[in-house]
N, C-alpha and C. Protein backbone atom coordinates (compact mmCIF):
# COMPACT_ATOMS: atom_id res chain seq x y z
N UNK A 1 0.83 -1.15 0.00
CA UNK A 1 0.00 0.00 0.00
C UNK A 1 0.89 1.24 0.00
N UNK A 2 0.60 2.04 -0.89
CA UNK A 2 1.41 3.24 -1.03
C UNK A 2 0.59 4.42 -0.50
N UNK A 3 1.19 5.09 0.45
CA UNK A 3 0.55 6.26 1.03
C UNK A 3 1.04 7.50 0.27
N UNK A 4 0.09 8.20 -0.13
CA UNK A 4 0.50 9.42 -0.84
C UNK A 4 0.68 10.54 0.17
N UNK A 5 1.67 11.24 -0.07
CA UNK A 5 1.93 12.36 0.82
C UNK A 5 1.00 13.52 0.46
N UNK A 6 0.58 14.16 1.48
CA UNK A 6 -0.29 15.32 1.24
C UNK A 6 0.49 16.40 0.52
N UNK A 7 -0.15 16.93 -0.42
CA UNK A 7 0.54 17.98 -1.18
C UNK A 7 0.71 19.21 -0.30
N UNK A 8 1.85 19.72 -0.35
CA UNK A 8 2.17 20.92 0.42
C UNK A 8 1.84 22.14 -0.44
N UNK A 9 0.65 22.65 -0.27
CA UNK A 9 0.25 23.79 -1.07
C UNK A 9 0.43 25.06 -0.24
N UNK A 10 1.00 25.99 -0.85
CA UNK A 10 1.18 27.29 -0.17
C UNK A 10 0.17 28.26 -0.74
N UNK A 11 -0.47 28.91 0.16
CA UNK A 11 -1.42 29.92 -0.27
C UNK A 11 -0.72 31.26 -0.32
N UNK A 12 -1.01 31.99 -1.34
CA UNK A 12 -0.43 33.31 -1.46
C UNK A 12 -1.32 34.30 -0.73
N UNK A 13 -0.68 35.19 0.00
CA UNK A 13 -1.43 36.21 0.72
C UNK A 13 -1.80 37.31 -0.28
N UNK A 14 -3.05 37.67 -0.27
CA UNK A 14 -3.52 38.70 -1.19
C UNK A 14 -3.07 40.07 -0.67
N UNK A 15 -2.52 40.86 -1.55
CA UNK A 15 -2.03 42.18 -1.16
C UNK A 15 -3.09 43.27 -1.32
N UNK A 16 -4.22 42.94 -1.87
CA UNK A 16 -5.26 43.94 -2.10
C UNK A 16 -5.74 44.60 -0.81
N UNK A 17 -6.08 43.85 0.25
CA UNK A 17 -6.50 44.52 1.49
C UNK A 17 -5.38 45.36 2.11
N UNK A 18 -4.16 44.90 1.98
CA UNK A 18 -3.03 45.65 2.52
C UNK A 18 -2.87 46.98 1.79
N UNK A 19 -3.02 46.97 0.48
CA UNK A 19 -2.92 48.19 -0.30
C UNK A 19 -4.06 49.13 0.06
N UNK A 20 -5.26 48.59 0.25
CA UNK A 20 -6.40 49.42 0.65
C UNK A 20 -6.13 50.12 1.98
N UNK A 21 -5.59 49.39 2.93
CA UNK A 21 -5.30 49.98 4.25
C UNK A 21 -4.23 51.05 4.13
N UNK A 22 -3.22 50.82 3.32
CA UNK A 22 -2.15 51.80 3.14
C UNK A 22 -2.71 53.08 2.52
N UNK A 23 -3.59 52.95 1.53
CA UNK A 23 -4.18 54.15 0.92
C UNK A 23 -5.09 54.87 1.90
N UNK A 24 -5.84 54.14 2.70
CA UNK A 24 -6.67 54.79 3.71
C UNK A 24 -5.83 55.56 4.72
N UNK A 25 -4.73 55.00 5.16
CA UNK A 25 -3.83 55.70 6.07
C UNK A 25 -3.21 56.92 5.40
N UNK A 26 -2.84 56.78 4.16
CA UNK A 26 -2.26 57.90 3.42
C UNK A 26 -3.26 59.06 3.32
N UNK A 27 -4.49 58.74 2.97
CA UNK A 27 -5.52 59.78 2.87
C UNK A 27 -5.77 60.41 4.23
N UNK A 28 -5.82 59.61 5.28
CA UNK A 28 -6.05 60.14 6.63
C UNK A 28 -4.96 61.12 7.03
N UNK A 29 -3.71 60.76 6.83
CA UNK A 29 -2.62 61.64 7.24
C UNK A 29 -2.53 62.88 6.36
N UNK A 30 -2.89 62.74 5.09
CA UNK A 30 -2.88 63.92 4.22
C UNK A 30 -3.96 64.92 4.65
N UNK A 31 -5.12 64.43 5.04
CA UNK A 31 -6.19 65.33 5.43
C UNK A 31 -6.01 65.91 6.83
N UNK A 32 -5.32 65.19 7.69
CA UNK A 32 -5.18 65.66 9.07
C UNK A 32 -3.95 66.53 9.29
N UNK A 33 -3.05 66.58 8.34
CA UNK A 33 -1.85 67.40 8.52
C UNK A 33 -2.09 68.81 8.00
N UNK A 34 -1.27 69.74 8.47
CA UNK A 34 -1.37 71.14 8.08
C UNK A 34 -0.14 71.50 7.26
N UNK A 35 -0.37 71.98 6.06
CA UNK A 35 0.75 72.34 5.21
C UNK A 35 1.09 73.82 5.31
N UNK A 36 0.10 74.65 5.55
CA UNK A 36 0.30 76.09 5.66
C UNK A 36 -0.18 76.56 7.01
N UNK A 37 0.50 77.56 7.53
CA UNK A 37 0.05 78.16 8.78
C UNK A 37 -0.70 79.44 8.43
N UNK A 38 -1.98 79.46 8.74
CA UNK A 38 -2.80 80.62 8.45
C UNK A 38 -2.81 81.54 9.66
N UNK A 39 -2.62 82.81 9.40
CA UNK A 39 -2.69 83.78 10.48
C UNK A 39 -3.87 84.70 10.23
N UNK A 40 -4.40 85.25 11.25
CA UNK A 40 -5.56 86.10 11.11
C UNK A 40 -5.31 87.46 11.73
N UNK A 41 -6.09 88.41 11.30
CA UNK A 41 -6.04 89.74 11.86
C UNK A 41 -7.22 89.90 12.81
N UNK A 42 -6.98 90.46 13.96
CA UNK A 42 -8.03 90.67 14.93
C UNK A 42 -8.68 92.02 14.66
N UNK A 43 -9.79 92.01 13.93
CA UNK A 43 -10.49 93.23 13.58
C UNK A 43 -11.86 93.18 14.24
N UNK A 44 -12.16 94.22 14.99
CA UNK A 44 -13.45 94.29 15.66
C UNK A 44 -14.33 95.30 14.96
N UNK A 45 -15.59 94.92 14.78
CA UNK A 45 -16.53 95.82 14.12
C UNK A 45 -17.07 96.86 15.08
N UNK A 46 -17.62 97.90 14.54
CA UNK A 46 -18.20 98.95 15.36
C UNK A 46 -19.51 98.52 15.98
N UNK A 47 -19.91 99.20 17.02
CA UNK A 47 -21.16 98.91 17.69
C UNK A 47 -22.17 99.99 17.34
N UNK A 48 -23.39 99.57 17.12
CA UNK A 48 -24.44 100.52 16.76
C UNK A 48 -24.81 101.35 17.96
N UNK A 49 -24.81 102.64 17.80
CA UNK A 49 -25.23 103.55 18.86
C UNK A 49 -24.20 103.75 19.95
N UNK A 50 -23.03 103.17 19.83
CA UNK A 50 -22.00 103.34 20.87
C UNK A 50 -21.31 104.67 20.69
N UNK A 51 -20.89 105.25 21.79
CA UNK A 51 -20.17 106.52 21.74
C UNK A 51 -18.80 106.29 21.14
N UNK A 52 -18.39 107.19 20.28
CA UNK A 52 -17.11 107.01 19.60
C UNK A 52 -15.93 107.40 20.46
N UNK A 53 -16.17 108.03 21.60
CA UNK A 53 -15.07 108.41 22.47
C UNK A 53 -14.47 109.72 22.02
N UNK A 54 -13.22 109.90 22.35
CA UNK A 54 -12.52 111.14 22.04
C UNK A 54 -12.11 111.14 20.57
N UNK A 55 -12.60 112.09 19.80
CA UNK A 55 -12.24 112.15 18.39
C UNK A 55 -10.96 112.92 18.16
N UNK A 56 -10.36 113.43 19.22
CA UNK A 56 -9.12 114.18 19.07
C UNK A 56 -7.97 113.27 18.62
N UNK A 57 -8.01 112.00 19.02
CA UNK A 57 -6.94 111.07 18.66
C UNK A 57 -7.27 110.27 17.41
N UNK A 58 -8.24 110.70 16.63
CA UNK A 58 -8.65 110.00 15.42
C UNK A 58 -7.75 110.38 14.26
N UNK A 59 -7.29 109.37 13.52
CA UNK A 59 -6.48 109.59 12.33
C UNK A 59 -7.15 108.86 11.17
N UNK A 60 -7.43 109.57 10.09
CA UNK A 60 -8.09 108.98 8.92
C UNK A 60 -7.03 108.60 7.89
N UNK A 61 -7.03 107.32 7.54
CA UNK A 61 -6.11 106.81 6.52
C UNK A 61 -6.96 106.35 5.34
N UNK A 62 -6.80 107.01 4.21
CA UNK A 62 -7.55 106.64 2.99
C UNK A 62 -6.64 105.84 2.08
N UNK A 63 -7.18 104.73 1.59
CA UNK A 63 -6.43 103.87 0.67
C UNK A 63 -7.08 103.98 -0.70
N UNK A 64 -6.31 104.45 -1.67
CA UNK A 64 -6.80 104.64 -3.04
C UNK A 64 -6.46 103.42 -3.88
N UNK A 65 -7.17 103.25 -4.99
CA UNK A 65 -6.94 102.11 -5.88
C UNK A 65 -5.61 102.22 -6.62
N UNK A 66 -5.09 103.44 -6.79
CA UNK A 66 -3.84 103.62 -7.53
C UNK A 66 -2.62 103.59 -6.61
N UNK A 67 -2.69 102.74 -5.55
CA UNK A 67 -1.58 102.54 -4.60
C UNK A 67 -1.17 103.82 -3.89
N UNK A 68 -2.12 104.71 -3.67
CA UNK A 68 -1.84 105.95 -2.95
C UNK A 68 -2.49 105.86 -1.58
N UNK A 69 -1.79 106.32 -0.55
CA UNK A 69 -2.31 106.31 0.82
C UNK A 69 -2.27 107.74 1.34
N UNK A 70 -3.38 108.17 1.93
CA UNK A 70 -3.46 109.51 2.52
C UNK A 70 -3.67 109.38 4.01
N UNK A 71 -2.93 110.19 4.78
CA UNK A 71 -3.11 110.26 6.22
C UNK A 71 -3.58 111.67 6.54
N UNK A 72 -4.82 111.78 6.97
CA UNK A 72 -5.46 113.08 7.24
C UNK A 72 -5.30 114.04 6.07
N UNK A 73 -5.46 113.52 4.85
CA UNK A 73 -5.40 114.35 3.65
C UNK A 73 -4.02 114.55 3.08
N UNK A 74 -2.98 114.03 3.70
CA UNK A 74 -1.61 114.19 3.24
C UNK A 74 -1.14 112.88 2.63
N UNK A 75 -0.63 112.91 1.40
CA UNK A 75 -0.19 111.70 0.71
C UNK A 75 1.10 111.18 1.32
N UNK A 76 1.11 109.86 1.60
CA UNK A 76 2.25 109.21 2.23
C UNK A 76 2.52 107.90 1.49
N UNK A 77 3.78 107.53 1.34
CA UNK A 77 4.11 106.22 0.78
C UNK A 77 3.78 105.14 1.79
N UNK A 78 3.39 103.96 1.31
CA UNK A 78 3.03 102.86 2.20
C UNK A 78 4.21 102.43 3.07
N UNK A 79 5.42 102.47 2.51
CA UNK A 79 6.60 102.08 3.28
C UNK A 79 6.89 103.05 4.42
N UNK A 80 6.49 104.31 4.27
CA UNK A 80 6.75 105.32 5.29
C UNK A 80 5.55 105.57 6.19
N UNK A 81 4.50 104.79 6.04
CA UNK A 81 3.27 105.02 6.79
C UNK A 81 3.48 104.83 8.29
N UNK A 82 4.20 103.80 8.67
CA UNK A 82 4.44 103.52 10.09
C UNK A 82 5.24 104.66 10.74
N UNK A 83 6.27 105.14 10.06
CA UNK A 83 7.08 106.23 10.61
C UNK A 83 6.26 107.53 10.68
N UNK A 84 5.41 107.76 9.69
CA UNK A 84 4.59 108.98 9.68
C UNK A 84 3.60 108.96 10.85
N UNK A 85 2.98 107.82 11.10
CA UNK A 85 2.04 107.71 12.21
C UNK A 85 2.77 107.81 13.55
N UNK A 86 3.98 107.25 13.62
CA UNK A 86 4.76 107.36 14.86
C UNK A 86 5.14 108.81 15.12
N UNK A 87 5.43 109.54 14.05
CA UNK A 87 5.77 110.96 14.21
C UNK A 87 4.56 111.77 14.65
N UNK A 88 3.37 111.38 14.25
CA UNK A 88 2.17 112.09 14.69
C UNK A 88 1.96 111.93 16.19
N UNK A 89 2.35 110.80 16.73
CA UNK A 89 2.09 110.52 18.14
C UNK A 89 3.19 110.96 19.08
N UNK A 90 4.32 111.45 18.58
CA UNK A 90 5.42 111.85 19.46
C UNK A 90 5.31 113.32 19.84
N UNK A 91 5.99 113.64 20.90
CA UNK A 91 5.97 115.03 21.38
C UNK A 91 6.99 115.89 20.65
N UNK A 92 7.90 115.28 19.87
CA UNK A 92 8.90 116.06 19.14
C UNK A 92 8.34 116.71 17.89
N UNK A 93 7.14 116.31 17.49
CA UNK A 93 6.54 116.88 16.29
C UNK A 93 6.10 118.31 16.57
N UNK A 94 6.31 119.21 15.62
CA UNK A 94 5.86 120.59 15.84
C UNK A 94 4.34 120.64 16.00
N UNK A 95 3.88 121.58 16.82
CA UNK A 95 2.45 121.74 17.09
C UNK A 95 1.77 122.32 15.86
N UNK A 96 1.02 121.52 15.18
CA UNK A 96 0.19 121.97 14.07
C UNK A 96 -1.24 121.54 14.38
N UNK A 97 -2.22 122.09 13.69
CA UNK A 97 -3.58 121.64 13.97
C UNK A 97 -3.75 120.14 13.77
N UNK A 98 -2.96 119.56 12.86
CA UNK A 98 -3.07 118.13 12.60
C UNK A 98 -2.53 117.31 13.77
N UNK A 99 -1.41 117.75 14.35
CA UNK A 99 -0.75 116.97 15.41
C UNK A 99 -1.07 117.47 16.80
N UNK A 100 -1.82 118.54 16.92
CA UNK A 100 -2.07 119.16 18.22
C UNK A 100 -2.72 118.19 19.20
N UNK A 101 -3.74 117.49 18.75
CA UNK A 101 -4.49 116.60 19.65
C UNK A 101 -4.01 115.17 19.60
N UNK A 102 -3.21 114.81 18.61
CA UNK A 102 -2.81 113.41 18.45
C UNK A 102 -1.54 113.16 19.25
N UNK A 103 -1.68 112.90 20.49
CA UNK A 103 -0.55 112.55 21.37
C UNK A 103 -0.97 111.31 22.13
N UNK A 104 -0.08 110.37 22.25
CA UNK A 104 -0.40 109.15 22.99
C UNK A 104 -1.12 108.13 22.13
N UNK A 105 -2.23 107.61 22.63
CA UNK A 105 -2.95 106.52 21.96
C UNK A 105 -3.79 107.06 20.82
N UNK A 106 -3.63 106.45 19.63
CA UNK A 106 -4.37 106.89 18.45
C UNK A 106 -5.45 105.87 18.08
N UNK A 107 -6.50 106.37 17.48
CA UNK A 107 -7.54 105.53 16.88
C UNK A 107 -7.46 105.75 15.38
N UNK A 108 -7.08 104.70 14.67
CA UNK A 108 -6.89 104.78 13.22
C UNK A 108 -8.17 104.32 12.53
N UNK A 109 -8.66 105.12 11.61
CA UNK A 109 -9.81 104.75 10.78
C UNK A 109 -9.29 104.60 9.35
N UNK A 110 -9.38 103.39 8.82
CA UNK A 110 -8.90 103.10 7.47
C UNK A 110 -10.11 103.08 6.55
N UNK A 111 -10.10 103.94 5.55
CA UNK A 111 -11.19 104.01 4.59
C UNK A 111 -10.68 103.52 3.25
N UNK A 112 -11.26 102.41 2.81
CA UNK A 112 -10.90 101.84 1.51
C UNK A 112 -11.81 102.44 0.45
N UNK A 113 -11.22 103.15 -0.49
CA UNK A 113 -12.00 103.78 -1.55
C UNK A 113 -12.24 102.76 -2.66
N UNK A 114 -13.07 103.09 -3.64
CA UNK A 114 -13.48 102.17 -4.70
C UNK A 114 -12.33 101.55 -5.45
N UNK A 115 -12.41 100.25 -5.68
CA UNK A 115 -11.42 99.54 -6.47
C UNK A 115 -10.21 99.06 -5.70
N UNK A 116 -10.18 99.23 -4.40
CA UNK A 116 -9.03 98.81 -3.59
C UNK A 116 -9.18 97.32 -3.27
N UNK A 117 -8.10 96.57 -3.43
CA UNK A 117 -8.13 95.15 -3.12
C UNK A 117 -8.01 94.93 -1.62
N UNK A 118 -8.48 93.80 -1.17
CA UNK A 118 -8.42 93.47 0.25
C UNK A 118 -6.96 93.31 0.68
N UNK A 119 -6.13 92.77 -0.19
CA UNK A 119 -4.71 92.61 0.15
C UNK A 119 -4.07 93.96 0.42
N UNK A 120 -4.45 94.97 -0.33
CA UNK A 120 -3.90 96.32 -0.13
C UNK A 120 -4.31 96.86 1.24
N UNK A 121 -5.58 96.62 1.63
CA UNK A 121 -6.06 97.06 2.94
C UNK A 121 -5.32 96.32 4.05
N UNK A 122 -5.09 95.02 3.86
CA UNK A 122 -4.35 94.24 4.86
C UNK A 122 -2.92 94.75 4.98
N UNK A 123 -2.30 95.12 3.86
CA UNK A 123 -0.95 95.70 3.91
C UNK A 123 -0.93 96.99 4.73
N UNK A 124 -1.96 97.82 4.56
CA UNK A 124 -2.05 99.07 5.32
C UNK A 124 -2.25 98.76 6.81
N UNK A 125 -3.09 97.78 7.12
CA UNK A 125 -3.32 97.40 8.53
C UNK A 125 -2.03 96.91 9.17
N UNK A 126 -1.25 96.13 8.43
CA UNK A 126 0.03 95.64 8.95
C UNK A 126 0.98 96.79 9.24
N UNK A 127 0.99 97.82 8.39
CA UNK A 127 1.87 98.97 8.59
C UNK A 127 1.40 99.83 9.76
N UNK A 128 0.08 99.88 9.97
CA UNK A 128 -0.50 100.77 10.99
C UNK A 128 -0.28 100.22 12.40
N UNK A 129 -0.23 98.91 12.54
CA UNK A 129 -0.12 98.32 13.88
C UNK A 129 1.17 98.74 14.58
N UNK A 130 1.04 99.19 15.82
CA UNK A 130 2.19 99.54 16.66
C UNK A 130 1.73 99.61 18.10
N UNK A 131 2.65 99.99 19.00
CA UNK A 131 2.29 100.05 20.42
C UNK A 131 1.35 101.21 20.73
N UNK A 132 1.45 102.31 20.01
CA UNK A 132 0.60 103.46 20.32
C UNK A 132 -0.78 103.35 19.70
N UNK A 133 -0.96 102.45 18.74
CA UNK A 133 -2.25 102.28 18.08
C UNK A 133 -2.98 101.13 18.75
N UNK A 134 -4.07 101.45 19.42
CA UNK A 134 -4.86 100.42 20.10
C UNK A 134 -6.12 100.07 19.33
N UNK A 135 -6.66 101.04 18.61
CA UNK A 135 -7.91 100.81 17.89
C UNK A 135 -7.71 101.04 16.41
N UNK A 136 -8.15 100.06 15.62
CA UNK A 136 -8.11 100.19 14.16
C UNK A 136 -9.50 99.86 13.67
N UNK A 137 -10.09 100.77 12.91
CA UNK A 137 -11.40 100.54 12.32
C UNK A 137 -11.26 100.60 10.81
N UNK A 138 -11.95 99.70 10.12
CA UNK A 138 -11.96 99.71 8.67
C UNK A 138 -13.37 100.01 8.21
N UNK A 139 -13.51 101.06 7.41
CA UNK A 139 -14.82 101.45 6.88
C UNK A 139 -14.77 101.47 5.38
N UNK A 140 -15.95 101.41 4.77
CA UNK A 140 -15.95 101.46 3.30
C UNK A 140 -16.48 102.77 2.81
């Protein structure tokens, strides 16, 4: 009597479920990771009927569509805007009607005129921020 040996069959492991799991993990990590760091500007809107406070420290900054910036009616380059506002708030500035009341803490009102891009307004806000400026309002 001849006994036959059992055939030694090897089963191949299917790679399809493994590939599915790898792709699911890849998608999960791609969606859960952050590629860019987004920063935001802290802008507070005005309140209806609220008192505006002291208007003596108010500075009006107009942003024109042709890359022109005016501070209280005087044309200023965007690169020099921070220095110009700092000069308005210092005591070394000569006493003029424009600088007479603007000493210490300023309230900046930025008025975006027609055709101005939001990026341009954000650039102006970045230049305006300093230690002496506590309030920034953007109006249209």
